């Protein structure tokens, strides 16, 4: 059986990836979690995986972990992943996403092991995309519009540098927006779903708070994204970058309308200034042709099912 290490296994994507790997019966799954991390997302998996308390900012603990696990595959998902938080805590975002990645790469470089490493980069790296450049592929220039995006550009380029300098088998995946059940309420579709579930249960007034409804995003179900991550370490070429996207955009206003259409509630929509960003990317649409040709991946889950599953997740939690 292949040994797999997932940094940030307790998170939204990490939990779905662990589920996928365990369903294959071909992998031993190990994961990192910071001390006192919330393990709710993986509570149903705790008897099937091995969790190590390790912080990617602690280089010694990461090196010790690599030596102990001796992984065949590493999925690097641990990060500060919420874009608005990067405006309020830019230094913390840089530290987690850049220094944390350096610590992981250095731990691997100094060990005697040569795993295949997938690093979760982001469509946010592209930032201000011109209409003439849509849909975005791997060759599009970076014009990052947030501290988070800058941190992911740095991580992305570090992955390339460690591949070129040391021959490390690093594969860079630039996933566009992905969502689904277990997505924290900080993210737009999940936030809308939680508000709707709370209103349905009478836990809040029938007023739905929103931010920028005009932006357009390319959404993929998280369960399709983790399939892509697994295919990346199996079939993609180290040193390369790959866009992972559905290729279709949804205006945030339409996402809200779809979720409301799955409920019988009547609500008032109010824009919340706290939800508006200093700068926002108007349109993000990805071209995943390169990745699809390399791996055969195609998204399988309709966006309507993604939204319904997300809403039902929050209904169950109410």
Protein backbone atom coordinates (compact mmCIF):
# COMPACT_ATOMS: atom_id res chain seq x y z
CA UNK A 1 0.00 0.00 0.00
CA UNK A 2 1.19 3.52 -0.81
CA UNK A 3 1.79 5.83 2.13
CA UNK A 4 0.09 9.20 1.75
CA UNK A 5 0.67 12.29 3.88
CA UNK A 6 -1.92 15.09 3.79
CA UNK A 7 -0.93 18.37 5.41
CA UNK A 8 -4.01 20.08 6.77
CA UNK A 9 -6.07 16.86 6.75
CA UNK A 10 -8.68 18.27 9.14
CA UNK A 11 -9.69 20.97 6.67
CA UNK A 12 -12.45 21.05 4.10
CA UNK A 13 -10.45 19.67 1.17
CA UNK A 14 -8.25 17.43 3.32
CA UNK A 15 -11.24 15.58 4.75
CA UNK A 16 -12.69 14.86 1.31
CA UNK A 17 -9.30 13.74 0.00
CA UNK A 18 -8.85 11.37 2.94
CA UNK A 19 -12.30 9.88 2.21
CA UNK A 20 -11.41 9.35 -1.43
CA UNK A 21 -8.08 7.68 -0.65
CA UNK A 22 -9.62 5.34 1.92
CA UNK A 23 -12.33 4.32 -0.54
CA UNK A 24 -9.63 2.99 -2.88
CA UNK A 25 -8.20 0.53 -0.32
CA UNK A 26 -4.74 1.15 -1.81
CA UNK A 27 -3.43 3.79 0.58
CA UNK A 28 -2.31 4.25 4.15
CA UNK A 29 -3.41 7.75 5.07
CA UNK A 30 -1.48 10.00 7.43
CA UNK A 31 -2.21 13.63 8.16
CA UNK A 32 -0.98 16.69 10.00
CA UNK A 33 -3.06 18.81 12.31
CA UNK A 34 -2.04 21.72 14.45
CA UNK A 35 -2.33 21.20 18.23
CA UNK A 36 -5.95 21.59 19.34
CA UNK A 37 -7.25 21.52 15.77
CA UNK A 38 -10.95 20.83 15.28
CA UNK A 39 -11.24 17.27 13.93
CA UNK A 40 -14.98 17.42 13.26
CA UNK A 41 -14.53 17.09 9.48
CA UNK A 42 -12.70 13.78 9.87
CA UNK A 43 -14.40 12.44 13.01
CA UNK A 44 -15.82 9.54 10.99
CA UNK A 45 -12.34 8.63 9.74
CA UNK A 46 -10.27 8.79 12.92
CA UNK A 47 -10.11 5.01 13.34
CA UNK A 48 -8.81 4.61 9.77
CA UNK A 49 -6.10 7.28 9.57
CA UNK A 50 -3.08 8.34 11.60
CA UNK A 51 -2.99 11.98 12.70
CA UNK A 52 0.22 13.69 13.79
CA UNK A 53 0.24 16.91 15.75
CA UNK A 54 2.54 19.10 13.68
CA UNK A 55 2.64 22.74 12.65
CA UNK A 56 4.10 23.52 9.22
CA UNK A 57 5.73 26.57 10.82
CA UNK A 58 7.76 24.23 13.03
CA UNK A 59 10.47 22.98 10.68
CA UNK A 60 11.81 20.36 13.10
CA UNK A 61 8.42 18.72 13.64
CA UNK A 62 7.85 18.55 9.88
CA UNK A 63 11.28 16.99 9.25
CA UNK A 64 10.69 14.44 12.04
CA UNK A 65 7.28 13.61 10.55
CA UNK A 66 8.67 13.02 7.04
CA UNK A 67 11.33 10.67 8.44
CA UNK A 68 8.72 8.76 10.44
CA UNK A 69 6.03 8.37 7.76
CA UNK A 70 8.31 7.97 4.71
CA UNK A 71 5.45 8.92 2.35
CA UNK A 72 5.14 7.96 -1.30
CA UNK A 73 2.75 10.85 -1.96
CA UNK A 74 2.37 14.20 -0.20
CA UNK A 75 -0.64 16.46 -0.65
CA UNK A 76 0.21 19.91 0.69
CA UNK A 77 -3.10 21.48 1.67
CA UNK A 78 -2.24 23.22 4.95
CA UNK A 79 -2.67 26.96 4.42
CA UNK A 80 -4.44 30.15 5.39
CA UNK A 81 -7.01 29.85 2.62
CA UNK A 82 -9.55 32.62 3.26
CA UNK A 83 -8.91 35.60 0.98
CA UNK A 84 -10.59 38.31 3.15
CA UNK A 85 -8.55 37.19 6.18
CA UNK A 86 -5.39 37.95 4.22
CA UNK A 87 -6.34 41.63 4.17
CA UNK A 88 -6.59 41.77 7.97
CA UNK A 89 -3.64 39.43 8.63
CA UNK A 90 -1.28 39.66 5.65
CA UNK A 91 1.82 38.69 7.64
CA UNK A 92 0.14 35.60 9.10
CA UNK A 93 -1.01 34.59 5.62
CA UNK A 94 2.49 34.95 4.19
CA UNK A 95 4.00 33.04 7.08
CA UNK A 96 1.61 30.08 6.81
CA UNK A 97 1.55 29.83 3.02
CA UNK A 98 5.13 30.71 2.14
CA UNK A 99 7.30 29.85 5.13
CA UNK A 100 5.18 26.76 5.81
CA UNK A 101 5.79 25.53 2.27
CA UNK A 102 9.53 26.21 2.55
CA UNK A 103 9.64 24.18 5.76
CA UNK A 104 7.92 21.26 4.04
CA UNK A 105 10.17 21.40 0.96
CA UNK A 106 13.30 21.63 3.10
CA UNK A 107 12.21 18.70 5.25
CA UNK A 108 11.74 16.58 2.14
CA UNK A 109 15.00 17.77 0.59
CA UNK A 110 16.98 16.88 3.71
CA UNK A 111 15.39 13.45 4.05
CA UNK A 112 16.31 10.31 2.14
CA UNK A 113 12.89 10.08 0.47
CA UNK A 114 11.67 11.16 -2.94
CA UNK A 115 7.88 11.42 -2.78
CA UNK A 116 5.58 12.88 -5.41
CA UNK A 117 4.28 16.17 -4.00
CA UNK A 118 1.09 17.96 -5.01
CA UNK A 119 0.87 21.57 -3.83
CA UNK A 120 -2.50 23.31 -3.77
CA UNK A 121 -1.95 26.58 -5.60
CA UNK A 122 -4.85 28.83 -6.56
CA UNK A 123 -6.67 30.58 -9.38
CA UNK A 124 -6.38 33.73 -7.24
CA UNK A 125 -2.78 33.97 -8.46
CA UNK A 126 -4.06 35.18 -11.84
CA UNK A 127 -5.93 38.06 -10.20
CA UNK A 128 -6.87 40.81 -12.63
CA UNK A 129 -7.65 38.85 -15.78
CA UNK A 130 -8.51 40.67 -18.99
CA UNK A 131 -11.63 39.62 -20.88
CA UNK A 132 -9.48 38.76 -23.89
CA UNK A 133 -7.57 36.23 -21.74
CA UNK A 134 -10.60 34.16 -20.72
CA UNK A 135 -10.68 31.27 -20.10
CA UNK A 136 -7.41 31.30 -18.16
CA UNK A 137 -4.77 28.67 -18.80
CA UNK A 138 -1.39 27.95 -17.25
CA UNK A 139 0.43 30.56 -19.34
CA UNK A 140 -1.63 33.55 -18.24
CA UNK A 141 0.38 36.21 -16.35
CA UNK A 142 -0.04 36.63 -12.61
CA UNK A 143 -1.67 39.89 -11.47
CA UNK A 144 -2.56 39.04 -7.84
CA UNK A 145 -5.08 41.29 -6.11
CA UNK A 146 -4.82 40.16 -2.47
CA UNK A 147 -2.14 39.20 0.04
CA UNK A 148 -3.48 35.65 -0.16
CA UNK A 149 -2.96 35.61 -3.93
CA UNK A 150 0.59 36.94 -3.55
CA UNK A 151 1.33 34.20 -0.99
CA UNK A 152 0.10 31.55 -3.43
CA UNK A 153 2.22 32.99 -6.26
CA UNK A 154 5.25 32.68 -3.98
CA UNK A 155 4.35 29.11 -3.04
CA UNK A 156 3.76 28.20 -6.69
CA UNK A 157 7.14 29.57 -7.78
CA UNK A 158 8.90 27.95 -4.83
CA UNK A 159 7.51 24.63 -6.03
CA UNK A 160 8.99 25.27 -9.46
CA UNK A 161 12.32 26.36 -7.98
CA UNK A 162 12.66 23.26 -5.78
CA UNK A 163 11.85 21.08 -8.78
CA UNK A 164 14.50 22.78 -10.92
CA UNK A 165 17.13 23.11 -8.19
CA UNK A 166 16.78 19.75 -6.46
CA UNK A 167 14.74 17.57 -8.81
CA UNK A 168 11.90 17.26 -6.30
CA UNK A 169 8.74 15.78 -7.83
CA UNK A 170 6.48 18.76 -7.23
CA UNK A 171 3.23 19.15 -9.17
CA UNK A 172 1.49 22.51 -8.97
CA UNK A 173 -2.30 22.45 -9.21
CA UNK A 174 -4.11 25.76 -9.63
CA UNK A 175 -7.67 24.94 -8.66
CA UNK A 176 -10.39 27.45 -9.34
CA UNK A 177 -13.24 27.92 -6.84
CA UNK A 178 -14.37 24.68 -5.26
CA UNK A 179 -17.13 24.14 -2.76
CA UNK A 180 -19.42 21.52 -1.29
CA UNK A 181 -20.43 20.04 2.07
CA UNK A 182 -18.10 20.90 4.98
CA UNK A 183 -16.99 24.16 3.37
CA UNK A 184 -16.68 26.70 6.18
CA UNK A 185 -19.17 29.53 6.35
CA UNK A 186 -16.44 32.03 5.44
CA UNK A 187 -16.85 31.13 1.76
CA UNK A 188 -19.65 32.58 -0.30
CA UNK A 189 -21.85 29.64 -1.35
CA UNK A 190 -21.50 27.95 2.03
CA UNK A 191 -22.21 31.22 3.80
CA UNK A 192 -25.41 31.71 1.82
CA UNK A 193 -26.42 28.11 2.56
CA UNK A 194 -25.86 28.51 6.29
CA UNK A 195 -27.87 31.74 6.43
CA UNK A 196 -30.75 30.05 4.58
CA UNK A 197 -30.65 27.04 6.94
CA UNK A 198 -30.69 29.36 9.97
CA UNK A 199 -33.63 31.34 8.60
CA UNK A 200 -35.52 28.09 7.88
CA UNK A 201 -35.04 27.05 11.52
CA UNK A 202 -36.07 30.45 12.85
CA UNK A 203 -32.59 31.08 14.22
CA UNK A 204 -32.19 34.43 12.47
CA UNK A 205 -34.39 37.09 10.92
CA UNK A 206 -35.31 36.63 7.23
CA UNK A 207 -32.54 38.98 6.13
CA UNK A 208 -29.71 37.55 4.05
CA UNK A 209 -26.40 39.42 4.19
CA UNK A 210 -24.34 39.49 0.98
CA UNK A 211 -21.18 41.00 -0.45
CA UNK A 212 -20.37 41.53 -4.13
CA UNK A 213 -23.03 39.71 -6.15
CA UNK A 214 -21.68 40.76 -9.55
CA UNK A 215 -18.47 38.70 -9.53
CA UNK A 216 -18.35 35.58 -11.69
CA UNK A 217 -16.58 32.44 -10.56
CA UNK A 218 -15.74 29.03 -11.99
CA UNK A 219 -17.03 26.49 -9.43
CA UNK A 220 -16.12 22.81 -9.16
CA UNK A 221 -17.39 20.34 -6.57
CA UNK A 222 -14.74 19.56 -3.95
CA UNK A 223 -15.24 15.84 -4.58
CA UNK A 224 -14.24 16.36 -8.20
CA UNK A 225 -11.27 18.47 -7.12
CA UNK A 226 -9.84 15.80 -4.81
CA UNK A 227 -10.17 13.27 -7.63
CA UNK A 228 -8.09 15.67 -9.67
CA UNK A 229 -5.47 15.90 -6.93
CA UNK A 230 -5.12 12.13 -6.80
CA UNK A 231 -4.83 11.91 -10.59
CA UNK A 232 -2.20 14.67 -10.44
CA UNK A 233 0.23 12.58 -8.37
CA UNK A 234 -0.53 9.50 -10.44
CA UNK A 235 -0.33 10.90 -13.96
CA UNK A 236 0.79 14.54 -14.11
CA UNK A 237 4.35 15.62 -14.82
CA UNK A 238 6.51 16.96 -11.96
CA UNK A 239 7.59 20.56 -12.44
CA UNK A 240 4.45 21.43 -14.38
CA UNK A 241 1.52 23.63 -13.36
CA UNK A 242 -2.06 22.58 -14.07
CA UNK A 243 -5.32 24.51 -14.01
CA UNK A 244 -8.20 22.58 -12.46
CA UNK A 245 -11.56 24.09 -13.34
CA UNK A 246 -15.01 23.32 -14.71
CA UNK A 247 -14.67 25.90 -17.50
CA UNK A 248 -18.05 27.46 -16.68
CA UNK A 249 -18.70 30.64 -14.69
CA UNK A 250 -21.57 31.41 -12.33
CA UNK A 251 -22.43 34.92 -11.23
CA UNK A 252 -22.63 35.05 -7.42
CA UNK A 253 -26.12 36.54 -7.72
CA UNK A 254 -27.20 33.40 -9.64
CA UNK A 255 -25.64 31.16 -6.98
CA UNK A 256 -27.77 32.91 -4.37
CA UNK A 257 -30.90 32.58 -6.52
CA UNK A 258 -30.27 28.85 -6.99
CA UNK A 259 -29.89 28.27 -3.25
CA UNK A 260 -33.00 30.30 -2.46
CA UNK A 261 -34.85 28.24 -5.06
CA UNK A 262 -34.10 25.16 -2.95
CA UNK A 263 -35.98 26.67 0.00
CA UNK A 264 -39.49 28.02 0.67
CA UNK A 265 -38.33 31.03 2.69
CA UNK A 266 -38.84 34.66 1.69
CA UNK A 267 -35.93 36.91 2.52
CA UNK A 268 -34.69 40.46 2.23
CA UNK A 269 -31.27 40.79 0.62
CA UNK A 270 -28.93 43.30 2.27
CA UNK A 271 -25.40 44.18 1.20
CA UNK A 272 -22.97 44.06 4.10
CA UNK A 273 -20.02 46.49 3.76
CA UNK A 274 -17.92 44.11 5.89
CA UNK A 275 -18.21 41.52 3.11
CA UNK A 276 -16.77 43.79 0.43
CA UNK A 277 -13.06 43.48 -0.42
CA UNK A 278 -10.66 46.39 -1.08
CA UNK A 279 -10.22 44.91 -4.57
CA UNK A 280 -12.00 41.98 -6.13
CA UNK A 281 -11.44 39.88 -9.22
CA UNK A 282 -14.46 40.47 -11.52
CA UNK A 283 -14.29 37.19 -13.48
CA UNK A 284 -12.38 33.94 -13.02
CA UNK A 285 -12.84 31.17 -15.57
CA UNK A 286 -10.38 28.36 -16.06
CA UNK A 287 -9.20 26.29 -19.00
CA UNK A 288 -8.19 22.85 -17.70
CA UNK A 289 -7.42 21.37 -21.15
CA UNK A 290 -3.80 20.63 -20.22
CA UNK A 291 -4.77 18.73 -17.07
CA UNK A 292 -7.57 16.83 -18.77
CA UNK A 293 -5.24 15.66 -21.53
CA UNK A 294 -2.61 14.58 -19.02
CA UNK A 295 -4.91 12.70 -16.67
CA UNK A 296 -8.30 12.10 -18.30
CA UNK A 297 -10.04 14.04 -15.53
CA UNK A 298 -13.46 15.58 -16.10
CA UNK A 299 -15.85 17.05 -13.49
CA UNK A 300 -18.73 14.69 -12.76
CA UNK A 301 -20.92 16.43 -10.18
CA UNK A 302 -23.44 19.06 -11.41
CA UNK A 303 -23.25 22.43 -9.67
CA UNK A 304 -26.89 22.15 -8.64
CA UNK A 305 -26.07 18.99 -6.65
CA UNK A 306 -23.07 20.72 -5.09
CA UNK A 307 -25.27 23.55 -3.83
CA UNK A 308 -28.03 21.23 -2.61
CA UNK A 309 -25.55 19.04 -0.73
CA UNK A 310 -24.03 22.16 0.84
CA UNK A 311 -27.45 23.42 1.93
CA UNK A 312 -28.40 20.00 3.32
CA UNK A 313 -25.09 19.90 5.22
CA UNK A 314 -25.98 23.13 7.01
CA UNK A 315 -29.57 22.02 7.58
CA UNK A 316 -28.28 18.92 9.36
CA UNK A 317 -25.97 21.03 11.52
CA UNK A 318 -28.76 23.38 12.62
